[in-house]
Every structure is written in C-alpha cells, then in structure tokens.
N, C-alpha and C. Protein backbone atom coordinates (compact mmCIF):
# COMPACT_ATOMS: atom_id res chain seq x y z
N MET A 1 -14.23 -72.04 -131.43
CA MET A 1 -15.42 -71.44 -132.00
C MET A 1 -15.78 -72.18 -133.28
N SER A 2 -17.08 -72.32 -133.51
CA SER A 2 -17.59 -73.01 -134.69
C SER A 2 -17.17 -72.30 -135.96
N LYS A 3 -17.04 -73.07 -137.01
CA LYS A 3 -16.70 -72.51 -138.31
C LYS A 3 -17.87 -72.68 -139.28
N ASP A 4 -19.09 -72.74 -138.75
CA ASP A 4 -20.27 -72.91 -139.58
C ASP A 4 -21.14 -71.66 -139.56
N ILE A 5 -21.66 -71.33 -140.73
CA ILE A 5 -22.66 -70.28 -140.88
C ILE A 5 -23.90 -70.96 -141.41
N LEU A 6 -25.04 -70.74 -140.77
CA LEU A 6 -26.29 -71.31 -141.24
C LEU A 6 -27.02 -70.28 -142.07
N LEU A 7 -27.26 -70.59 -143.33
CA LEU A 7 -27.98 -69.72 -144.25
C LEU A 7 -29.35 -70.33 -144.50
N ALA A 8 -30.40 -69.71 -143.96
CA ALA A 8 -31.76 -70.22 -144.13
C ALA A 8 -32.38 -69.56 -145.36
N VAL A 9 -32.90 -70.39 -146.27
CA VAL A 9 -33.51 -69.89 -147.50
C VAL A 9 -34.92 -70.44 -147.61
N ASP A 10 -35.76 -69.70 -148.32
CA ASP A 10 -37.12 -70.18 -148.55
C ASP A 10 -37.47 -70.09 -150.02
N ALA A 11 -38.59 -70.71 -150.35
CA ALA A 11 -39.12 -70.68 -151.71
C ALA A 11 -40.61 -70.43 -151.58
N ALA A 12 -40.95 -69.20 -151.24
CA ALA A 12 -42.34 -68.84 -150.98
C ALA A 12 -43.17 -69.00 -152.25
N PRO A 13 -44.33 -69.65 -152.15
CA PRO A 13 -45.16 -69.83 -153.33
C PRO A 13 -45.69 -68.49 -153.83
N GLY A 14 -45.67 -68.33 -155.15
CA GLY A 14 -46.20 -67.11 -155.75
C GLY A 14 -45.25 -65.93 -155.65
N ASP A 15 -44.09 -66.11 -155.07
CA ASP A 15 -43.12 -65.02 -154.91
C ASP A 15 -41.84 -65.44 -155.61
N ASP A 16 -41.07 -64.47 -156.05
CA ASP A 16 -39.78 -64.75 -156.65
C ASP A 16 -38.75 -64.76 -155.52
N PRO A 17 -38.32 -65.95 -155.07
CA PRO A 17 -37.39 -66.00 -153.94
C PRO A 17 -35.99 -65.54 -154.30
N ALA A 18 -35.71 -65.39 -155.57
CA ALA A 18 -34.33 -65.10 -155.99
C ALA A 18 -33.80 -63.79 -155.41
N ARG A 19 -34.64 -62.77 -155.26
CA ARG A 19 -34.14 -61.47 -154.81
C ARG A 19 -33.63 -61.52 -153.37
N HIS A 20 -34.44 -61.99 -152.44
CA HIS A 20 -33.97 -62.00 -151.06
C HIS A 20 -33.02 -63.16 -150.79
N VAL A 21 -33.19 -64.28 -151.48
CA VAL A 21 -32.29 -65.40 -151.29
C VAL A 21 -30.91 -65.05 -151.84
N SER A 22 -30.84 -64.39 -152.98
CA SER A 22 -29.53 -64.05 -153.55
C SER A 22 -28.82 -63.01 -152.69
N ALA A 23 -29.56 -62.08 -152.10
CA ALA A 23 -28.92 -61.08 -151.22
C ALA A 23 -28.35 -61.75 -149.97
N ALA A 24 -29.10 -62.66 -149.36
CA ALA A 24 -28.62 -63.36 -148.18
C ALA A 24 -27.46 -64.29 -148.53
N SER A 25 -27.54 -64.93 -149.69
CA SER A 25 -26.47 -65.82 -150.13
C SER A 25 -25.19 -65.03 -150.39
N ALA A 26 -25.31 -63.87 -151.01
CA ALA A 26 -24.12 -63.04 -151.25
C ALA A 26 -23.49 -62.59 -149.94
N MET A 27 -24.31 -62.27 -148.95
CA MET A 27 -23.79 -61.86 -147.65
C MET A 27 -23.07 -63.02 -146.97
N ALA A 28 -23.67 -64.21 -147.00
CA ALA A 28 -23.04 -65.38 -146.41
C ALA A 28 -21.73 -65.70 -147.12
N ARG A 29 -21.72 -65.55 -148.45
CA ARG A 29 -20.50 -65.79 -149.23
C ARG A 29 -19.39 -64.83 -148.80
N GLU A 30 -19.73 -63.54 -148.66
CA GLU A 30 -18.73 -62.55 -148.24
C GLU A 30 -18.18 -62.88 -146.85
N LEU A 31 -19.06 -63.28 -145.95
CA LEU A 31 -18.63 -63.61 -144.59
C LEU A 31 -17.74 -64.84 -144.56
N ALA A 32 -18.06 -65.84 -145.38
CA ALA A 32 -17.33 -67.10 -145.36
C ALA A 32 -16.01 -67.04 -146.12
N GLN A 33 -15.94 -66.22 -147.16
CA GLN A 33 -14.72 -66.18 -147.97
C GLN A 33 -13.51 -65.72 -147.17
N GLY A 34 -13.70 -64.75 -146.32
CA GLY A 34 -12.57 -64.25 -145.55
C GLY A 34 -12.17 -65.11 -144.37
N THR A 35 -13.08 -65.95 -143.92
CA THR A 35 -12.82 -66.73 -142.71
C THR A 35 -12.64 -68.22 -142.95
N GLY A 36 -13.03 -68.70 -144.12
CA GLY A 36 -12.96 -70.12 -144.40
C GLY A 36 -14.09 -70.90 -143.77
N ASP A 37 -15.13 -70.22 -143.34
CA ASP A 37 -16.28 -70.89 -142.72
C ASP A 37 -17.00 -71.78 -143.73
N HIS A 38 -17.67 -72.78 -143.20
CA HIS A 38 -18.52 -73.67 -143.99
C HIS A 38 -19.95 -73.13 -143.90
N VAL A 39 -20.62 -72.99 -145.03
CA VAL A 39 -21.99 -72.49 -145.05
C VAL A 39 -22.95 -73.66 -145.21
N ILE A 40 -23.89 -73.75 -144.29
CA ILE A 40 -24.93 -74.77 -144.36
C ILE A 40 -26.18 -74.07 -144.88
N VAL A 41 -26.63 -74.46 -146.06
CA VAL A 41 -27.81 -73.85 -146.68
C VAL A 41 -29.02 -74.69 -146.27
N LEU A 42 -29.93 -74.08 -145.54
CA LEU A 42 -31.07 -74.78 -144.95
C LEU A 42 -32.38 -74.31 -145.53
N HIS A 43 -33.24 -75.25 -145.87
CA HIS A 43 -34.63 -74.94 -146.20
C HIS A 43 -35.50 -75.80 -145.29
N VAL A 44 -36.53 -75.19 -144.73
CA VAL A 44 -37.44 -75.92 -143.84
C VAL A 44 -38.80 -76.03 -144.52
N HIS A 45 -39.24 -77.27 -144.73
CA HIS A 45 -40.58 -77.50 -145.27
C HIS A 45 -41.58 -77.41 -144.14
N GLU A 46 -42.69 -76.76 -144.42
CA GLU A 46 -43.74 -76.55 -143.44
C GLU A 46 -44.93 -77.44 -143.79
N TYR A 47 -45.41 -78.20 -142.81
CA TYR A 47 -46.50 -79.15 -143.03
C TYR A 47 -47.68 -78.85 -142.11
N ALA A 48 -48.87 -79.05 -142.66
CA ALA A 48 -50.11 -78.97 -141.88
C ALA A 48 -50.71 -80.38 -141.85
N VAL A 49 -51.27 -80.73 -140.72
CA VAL A 49 -51.90 -82.04 -140.58
C VAL A 49 -53.38 -81.81 -140.37
N GLY A 50 -54.18 -82.49 -141.15
CA GLY A 50 -55.63 -82.32 -141.06
C GLY A 50 -56.35 -83.62 -141.34
N ARG A 51 -57.61 -83.49 -141.64
CA ARG A 51 -58.47 -84.64 -141.87
C ARG A 51 -57.96 -85.52 -143.01
N PHE A 52 -57.36 -84.90 -144.01
CA PHE A 52 -56.94 -85.66 -145.19
C PHE A 52 -55.45 -86.00 -145.17
N GLY A 53 -54.82 -85.87 -144.02
CA GLY A 53 -53.42 -86.25 -143.89
C GLY A 53 -52.50 -85.05 -143.78
N ARG A 54 -51.27 -85.30 -144.10
CA ARG A 54 -50.22 -84.29 -143.97
C ARG A 54 -49.99 -83.62 -145.32
N LEU A 55 -50.04 -82.27 -145.33
CA LEU A 55 -49.86 -81.52 -146.56
C LEU A 55 -48.71 -80.54 -146.42
N GLN A 56 -47.87 -80.49 -147.44
CA GLN A 56 -46.78 -79.51 -147.48
C GLN A 56 -47.39 -78.18 -147.92
N VAL A 57 -47.18 -77.13 -147.12
CA VAL A 57 -47.83 -75.85 -147.40
C VAL A 57 -46.87 -74.73 -147.78
N ASP A 58 -45.57 -74.96 -147.69
CA ASP A 58 -44.62 -73.86 -147.92
C ASP A 58 -44.31 -73.63 -149.39
N CYS A 59 -44.17 -74.68 -150.17
CA CYS A 59 -43.86 -74.54 -151.59
C CYS A 59 -44.19 -75.87 -152.27
N SER A 60 -44.09 -75.89 -153.59
CA SER A 60 -44.39 -77.14 -154.30
C SER A 60 -43.24 -78.12 -154.13
N ASP A 61 -43.52 -79.39 -154.39
CA ASP A 61 -42.50 -80.44 -154.23
C ASP A 61 -41.26 -80.13 -155.06
N GLY A 62 -40.12 -80.21 -154.43
CA GLY A 62 -38.85 -80.02 -155.11
C GLY A 62 -38.40 -78.57 -155.24
N GLU A 63 -39.30 -77.62 -155.00
CA GLU A 63 -38.93 -76.21 -155.16
C GLU A 63 -37.91 -75.76 -154.13
N GLY A 64 -38.11 -76.12 -152.87
CA GLY A 64 -37.15 -75.77 -151.82
C GLY A 64 -35.80 -76.42 -152.06
N GLU A 65 -35.82 -77.67 -152.47
CA GLU A 65 -34.58 -78.38 -152.76
C GLU A 65 -33.85 -77.72 -153.93
N GLY A 66 -34.61 -77.26 -154.93
CA GLY A 66 -34.00 -76.58 -156.07
C GLY A 66 -33.31 -75.30 -155.68
N VAL A 67 -33.94 -74.53 -154.79
CA VAL A 67 -33.33 -73.28 -154.31
C VAL A 67 -32.06 -73.59 -153.53
N VAL A 68 -32.13 -74.57 -152.64
CA VAL A 68 -30.96 -74.95 -151.83
C VAL A 68 -29.81 -75.40 -152.73
N ASN A 69 -30.10 -76.26 -153.69
CA ASN A 69 -29.05 -76.76 -154.57
C ASN A 69 -28.43 -75.64 -155.41
N ALA A 70 -29.25 -74.70 -155.87
CA ALA A 70 -28.73 -73.57 -156.65
C ALA A 70 -27.82 -72.69 -155.80
N VAL A 71 -28.21 -72.45 -154.55
CA VAL A 71 -27.39 -71.62 -153.66
C VAL A 71 -26.07 -72.32 -153.33
N VAL A 72 -26.13 -73.61 -153.04
CA VAL A 72 -24.91 -74.37 -152.75
C VAL A 72 -23.98 -74.36 -153.96
N ALA A 73 -24.53 -74.55 -155.15
CA ALA A 73 -23.71 -74.53 -156.37
C ALA A 73 -23.06 -73.17 -156.57
N ASN A 74 -23.80 -72.10 -156.31
CA ASN A 74 -23.26 -70.75 -156.44
C ASN A 74 -22.15 -70.51 -155.43
N LEU A 75 -22.35 -70.92 -154.20
CA LEU A 75 -21.33 -70.73 -153.17
C LEU A 75 -20.05 -71.51 -153.50
N THR A 76 -20.20 -72.77 -153.89
CA THR A 76 -19.01 -73.57 -154.21
C THR A 76 -18.31 -73.04 -155.45
N ALA A 77 -19.05 -72.48 -156.40
CA ALA A 77 -18.45 -71.88 -157.59
C ALA A 77 -17.58 -70.67 -157.22
N HIS A 78 -17.91 -70.03 -156.09
CA HIS A 78 -17.13 -68.89 -155.61
C HIS A 78 -16.08 -69.30 -154.58
N GLY A 79 -15.83 -70.60 -154.45
CA GLY A 79 -14.77 -71.07 -153.57
C GLY A 79 -15.14 -71.18 -152.10
N VAL A 80 -16.43 -71.21 -151.81
CA VAL A 80 -16.90 -71.32 -150.42
C VAL A 80 -17.34 -72.76 -150.16
N SER A 81 -16.91 -73.32 -149.05
CA SER A 81 -17.35 -74.64 -148.64
C SER A 81 -18.82 -74.54 -148.22
N ALA A 82 -19.67 -75.37 -148.85
CA ALA A 82 -21.11 -75.29 -148.57
C ALA A 82 -21.75 -76.66 -148.64
N GLY A 83 -22.80 -76.83 -147.87
CA GLY A 83 -23.58 -78.06 -147.87
C GLY A 83 -25.05 -77.74 -147.77
N ALA A 84 -25.89 -78.70 -148.11
CA ALA A 84 -27.33 -78.51 -148.12
C ALA A 84 -27.99 -79.30 -147.01
N GLU A 85 -29.07 -78.75 -146.49
CA GLU A 85 -29.86 -79.46 -145.49
C GLU A 85 -31.33 -79.08 -145.66
N ILE A 86 -32.18 -80.09 -145.59
CA ILE A 86 -33.63 -79.89 -145.66
C ILE A 86 -34.21 -80.44 -144.36
N ARG A 87 -35.06 -79.64 -143.73
CA ARG A 87 -35.74 -80.08 -142.51
C ARG A 87 -37.24 -79.93 -142.70
N LYS A 88 -37.99 -80.54 -141.79
CA LYS A 88 -39.46 -80.48 -141.83
C LYS A 88 -39.97 -80.02 -140.48
N THR A 89 -41.08 -79.28 -140.49
CA THR A 89 -41.69 -78.84 -139.24
C THR A 89 -43.18 -78.61 -139.45
N HIS A 90 -43.89 -78.48 -138.34
CA HIS A 90 -45.31 -78.15 -138.40
C HIS A 90 -45.47 -76.69 -138.76
N ILE A 91 -46.60 -76.36 -139.32
CA ILE A 91 -46.88 -74.99 -139.74
C ILE A 91 -46.72 -74.03 -138.55
N GLY A 92 -46.04 -72.91 -138.81
CA GLY A 92 -45.84 -71.91 -137.77
C GLY A 92 -44.59 -72.09 -136.93
N HIS A 93 -43.79 -73.12 -137.20
CA HIS A 93 -42.62 -73.41 -136.38
C HIS A 93 -41.30 -73.35 -137.15
N ILE A 94 -41.27 -72.56 -138.22
CA ILE A 94 -40.05 -72.49 -139.03
C ILE A 94 -38.89 -71.88 -138.24
N ALA A 95 -39.14 -70.80 -137.51
CA ALA A 95 -38.07 -70.16 -136.74
C ALA A 95 -37.46 -71.14 -135.74
N ALA A 96 -38.29 -71.91 -135.07
CA ALA A 96 -37.79 -72.90 -134.10
C ALA A 96 -36.96 -73.97 -134.81
N ALA A 97 -37.38 -74.37 -136.02
CA ALA A 97 -36.62 -75.38 -136.77
C ALA A 97 -35.27 -74.83 -137.22
N ILE A 98 -35.23 -73.55 -137.61
CA ILE A 98 -33.96 -72.92 -137.99
C ILE A 98 -33.03 -72.88 -136.78
N LEU A 99 -33.57 -72.50 -135.63
CA LEU A 99 -32.75 -72.44 -134.42
C LEU A 99 -32.27 -73.82 -133.99
N ALA A 100 -33.09 -74.84 -134.18
CA ALA A 100 -32.67 -76.21 -133.85
C ALA A 100 -31.53 -76.64 -134.76
N ALA A 101 -31.59 -76.28 -136.03
CA ALA A 101 -30.51 -76.62 -136.96
C ALA A 101 -29.23 -75.86 -136.57
N ALA A 102 -29.38 -74.60 -136.19
CA ALA A 102 -28.21 -73.81 -135.77
C ALA A 102 -27.57 -74.43 -134.53
N GLU A 103 -28.40 -74.89 -133.62
CA GLU A 103 -27.90 -75.55 -132.40
C GLU A 103 -27.20 -76.86 -132.74
N HIS A 104 -27.82 -77.64 -133.62
CA HIS A 104 -27.26 -78.93 -134.03
C HIS A 104 -25.88 -78.76 -134.65
N HIS A 105 -25.71 -77.74 -135.49
CA HIS A 105 -24.43 -77.51 -136.17
C HIS A 105 -23.51 -76.58 -135.39
N ASP A 106 -23.98 -76.09 -134.25
CA ASP A 106 -23.23 -75.13 -133.45
C ASP A 106 -22.78 -73.95 -134.33
N ALA A 107 -23.72 -73.43 -135.11
CA ALA A 107 -23.44 -72.34 -136.04
C ALA A 107 -23.05 -71.08 -135.28
N ARG A 108 -22.05 -70.39 -135.77
CA ARG A 108 -21.61 -69.15 -135.14
C ARG A 108 -22.50 -67.99 -135.53
N LEU A 109 -23.25 -68.14 -136.66
CA LEU A 109 -24.10 -67.07 -137.19
C LEU A 109 -25.23 -67.66 -138.00
N ILE A 110 -26.40 -67.07 -137.88
CA ILE A 110 -27.55 -67.43 -138.70
C ILE A 110 -27.79 -66.28 -139.66
N VAL A 111 -27.87 -66.57 -140.95
CA VAL A 111 -28.14 -65.55 -141.97
C VAL A 111 -29.48 -65.89 -142.61
N LEU A 112 -30.33 -64.87 -142.73
CA LEU A 112 -31.68 -65.05 -143.25
C LEU A 112 -32.03 -63.86 -144.11
N GLY A 113 -32.62 -64.11 -145.26
CA GLY A 113 -33.06 -63.02 -146.12
C GLY A 113 -34.46 -62.56 -145.74
N SER A 114 -34.69 -61.27 -145.81
CA SER A 114 -36.00 -60.72 -145.52
C SER A 114 -36.83 -60.71 -146.80
N THR A 115 -38.07 -61.15 -146.71
CA THR A 115 -38.90 -61.26 -147.91
C THR A 115 -39.78 -60.05 -148.16
N SER A 116 -39.92 -59.18 -147.19
CA SER A 116 -40.83 -58.05 -147.39
C SER A 116 -40.23 -56.77 -146.85
N ARG A 117 -40.88 -55.67 -147.20
CA ARG A 117 -40.43 -54.35 -146.76
C ARG A 117 -41.16 -53.88 -145.51
N THR A 118 -42.24 -54.54 -145.15
CA THR A 118 -43.03 -54.11 -144.00
C THR A 118 -43.54 -55.31 -143.22
N ASP A 119 -43.78 -55.12 -141.93
CA ASP A 119 -44.34 -56.18 -141.10
C ASP A 119 -45.86 -56.13 -141.06
N LEU A 120 -46.46 -55.14 -141.68
CA LEU A 120 -47.91 -54.95 -141.58
C LEU A 120 -48.71 -56.19 -141.97
N PRO A 121 -48.42 -56.86 -143.10
CA PRO A 121 -49.23 -58.05 -143.43
C PRO A 121 -49.03 -59.19 -142.44
N ARG A 122 -47.93 -59.21 -141.72
CA ARG A 122 -47.63 -60.33 -140.84
C ARG A 122 -47.89 -60.01 -139.36
N MET A 123 -48.40 -58.86 -139.06
CA MET A 123 -48.57 -58.45 -137.67
C MET A 123 -49.34 -59.46 -136.82
N PRO A 124 -50.44 -60.03 -137.29
CA PRO A 124 -51.16 -60.96 -136.40
C PRO A 124 -50.35 -62.19 -136.01
N LEU A 125 -49.51 -62.71 -136.92
CA LEU A 125 -48.75 -63.92 -136.63
C LEU A 125 -47.27 -63.66 -136.44
N GLY A 126 -46.73 -62.65 -137.05
CA GLY A 126 -45.29 -62.37 -136.98
C GLY A 126 -44.54 -63.10 -138.06
N SER A 127 -43.47 -62.51 -138.53
CA SER A 127 -42.69 -63.13 -139.59
C SER A 127 -41.66 -64.09 -139.00
N VAL A 128 -41.10 -64.92 -139.85
CA VAL A 128 -40.07 -65.86 -139.42
C VAL A 128 -38.87 -65.08 -138.89
N ALA A 129 -38.48 -64.01 -139.59
CA ALA A 129 -37.33 -63.21 -139.15
C ALA A 129 -37.57 -62.61 -137.77
N THR A 130 -38.75 -62.08 -137.54
CA THR A 130 -39.06 -61.48 -136.24
C THR A 130 -39.03 -62.54 -135.15
N ARG A 131 -39.64 -63.67 -135.39
CA ARG A 131 -39.63 -64.75 -134.40
C ARG A 131 -38.22 -65.24 -134.13
N LEU A 132 -37.45 -65.38 -135.20
CA LEU A 132 -36.07 -65.84 -135.05
C LEU A 132 -35.27 -64.89 -134.17
N LEU A 133 -35.41 -63.60 -134.42
CA LEU A 133 -34.68 -62.62 -133.61
C LEU A 133 -35.08 -62.66 -132.14
N HIS A 134 -36.35 -62.88 -131.87
CA HIS A 134 -36.82 -62.92 -130.48
C HIS A 134 -36.44 -64.21 -129.76
N MET A 135 -36.31 -65.30 -130.49
CA MET A 135 -36.05 -66.59 -129.88
C MET A 135 -34.57 -66.97 -129.83
N SER A 136 -33.76 -66.37 -130.68
CA SER A 136 -32.38 -66.81 -130.85
C SER A 136 -31.47 -66.43 -129.70
N THR A 137 -30.57 -67.35 -129.37
CA THR A 137 -29.49 -67.07 -128.43
C THR A 137 -28.16 -66.98 -129.17
N ARG A 138 -28.23 -67.08 -130.48
CA ARG A 138 -27.06 -66.97 -131.35
C ARG A 138 -27.17 -65.69 -132.18
N PRO A 139 -26.05 -65.17 -132.66
CA PRO A 139 -26.12 -64.00 -133.53
C PRO A 139 -26.90 -64.32 -134.80
N ALA A 140 -27.76 -63.41 -135.20
CA ALA A 140 -28.57 -63.58 -136.41
C ALA A 140 -28.46 -62.32 -137.26
N LEU A 141 -28.32 -62.52 -138.56
CA LEU A 141 -28.20 -61.42 -139.50
C LEU A 141 -29.36 -61.51 -140.48
N ILE A 142 -30.21 -60.48 -140.47
CA ILE A 142 -31.33 -60.43 -141.41
C ILE A 142 -30.91 -59.51 -142.55
N VAL A 143 -30.82 -60.07 -143.75
CA VAL A 143 -30.38 -59.33 -144.92
C VAL A 143 -31.62 -58.81 -145.65
N PRO A 144 -31.73 -57.48 -145.82
CA PRO A 144 -32.92 -56.95 -146.49
C PRO A 144 -32.95 -57.31 -147.97
N ARG A 145 -34.16 -57.41 -148.48
CA ARG A 145 -34.35 -57.65 -149.90
C ARG A 145 -33.87 -56.43 -150.66
N PRO A 146 -33.09 -56.60 -151.72
CA PRO A 146 -32.62 -55.43 -152.46
C PRO A 146 -33.78 -54.70 -153.12
N ASN A 147 -33.67 -53.39 -153.13
CA ASN A 147 -34.69 -52.56 -153.76
C ASN A 147 -34.23 -52.26 -155.18
N PRO A 148 -34.88 -52.84 -156.19
CA PRO A 148 -34.41 -52.65 -157.56
C PRO A 148 -34.46 -51.19 -158.00
N ALA A 149 -35.35 -50.41 -157.44
CA ALA A 149 -35.45 -49.00 -157.80
C ALA A 149 -34.27 -48.21 -157.26
N ALA A 150 -33.67 -48.67 -156.16
CA ALA A 150 -32.56 -47.94 -155.55
C ALA A 150 -31.23 -48.24 -156.23
N GLN A 151 -31.13 -49.35 -156.95
CA GLN A 151 -29.87 -49.72 -157.58
C GLN A 151 -29.37 -48.69 -158.59
N PRO A 152 -30.20 -48.20 -159.54
CA PRO A 152 -29.70 -47.21 -160.48
C PRO A 152 -29.30 -45.90 -159.80
N VAL A 153 -30.00 -45.54 -158.73
CA VAL A 153 -29.66 -44.31 -158.01
C VAL A 153 -28.28 -44.44 -157.38
N LYS A 154 -28.00 -45.59 -156.76
CA LYS A 154 -26.69 -45.81 -156.15
C LYS A 154 -25.60 -45.80 -157.22
N ALA A 155 -25.85 -46.45 -158.36
CA ALA A 155 -24.87 -46.51 -159.43
C ALA A 155 -24.62 -45.11 -159.98
N ALA A 156 -25.67 -44.33 -160.16
CA ALA A 156 -25.51 -42.97 -160.68
C ALA A 156 -24.74 -42.10 -159.67
N ALA A 157 -25.00 -42.30 -158.39
CA ALA A 157 -24.29 -41.53 -157.35
C ALA A 157 -22.81 -41.92 -157.33
N ALA A 158 -22.51 -43.20 -157.53
CA ALA A 158 -21.11 -43.64 -157.55
C ALA A 158 -20.36 -43.08 -158.76
N VAL A 159 -21.03 -43.06 -159.91
CA VAL A 159 -20.41 -42.50 -161.11
C VAL A 159 -20.17 -41.01 -160.92
N ALA A 160 -21.15 -40.31 -160.37
CA ALA A 160 -21.01 -38.87 -160.14
C ALA A 160 -19.88 -38.57 -159.17
N ALA A 161 -19.71 -39.43 -158.17
CA ALA A 161 -18.66 -39.21 -157.16
C ALA A 161 -17.27 -39.43 -157.78
N THR A 162 -17.15 -40.41 -158.70
CA THR A 162 -15.85 -40.66 -159.30
C THR A 162 -15.50 -39.62 -160.36
N GLU A 163 -16.52 -39.02 -160.98
CA GLU A 163 -16.27 -37.99 -161.98
C GLU A 163 -15.91 -36.65 -161.36
N ALA A 164 -16.32 -36.43 -160.11
CA ALA A 164 -16.08 -35.13 -159.47
C ALA A 164 -14.67 -34.95 -159.01
C-alpha cells in the first residue's frame, strides 16, 4: 500500500486561504504522524486561453507556491515528511488535475480543505470538492473550514466539563 497522502491546497484570490488550508494541513499532519506517510502538498494553477494568450486565473504569480512552501515548512517542522508539487490545468479542470496527481503518486488518500459553508454560489458549475468526490476512485477527505465563532463555544464547553 502507498505511503503517500496528497494534500491539495489553493490560494483563492480575494480570500484568506489560511483558514481552510491550515485545517486541511493539520488533518494531513495528524494522519501522517502516526503512520509515517509522506505528504505531497499540491497546488494546481488554473489557466484560461483566449485571444490575448494564456492567462493564470486562480491566483497571482507566486501566491500558490508561497502557500505550498509554507505548508511544507509547517509539516516538516512537525516531523512529517513532505514535498511540494505545482501543476497546471485549463480552467474548470482542477479536480481532474488533483486526481491525476493522486494517480501519479499512487496516493492512499486525498485531503482537501473546503473553502465555503454552502454550495449555493457554486451550484451552476459545482465546487472542486464536489467534483473530486464524484470523480475519485480513491478515498478523499474534505476538511471543513473552521468556524471561528464556534471555537470559543467549544472551549467554554470543555472548561465547564472539566470543572464539573
């Protein structure tokens, strides 16, 4: 059985990727620490081709690479074997590119952070996570974005439980 976990990360323009990327990275770290798995941190650049040539539409230059490098550095700082990979694809084909990378590395698990709380804005086209789940023949774990409002409630409930 493969000892690779594929962690797909994004750097959505205008959004703070740290919340969902850090949650997915923490989950991959937990999974890999106990098993000794190697984590492959993947970012897929999305390109559109038109009259004026090929344009990168997913994030600004170097932003995806910066996220990947930060996640790899965090994983290795926690004693997890990790490597970086950047791929390119046409617009709308990110899920297929993630699955191709998982196939190439024979990943035992694909980990992906969820960027939103609802599918409503993405209903006409579908989200990457939804497409990945429908297309994948490998196990996939979608890690929800942490809800900052729920964190103090959980902490207060834990304190109350220990005091009782």
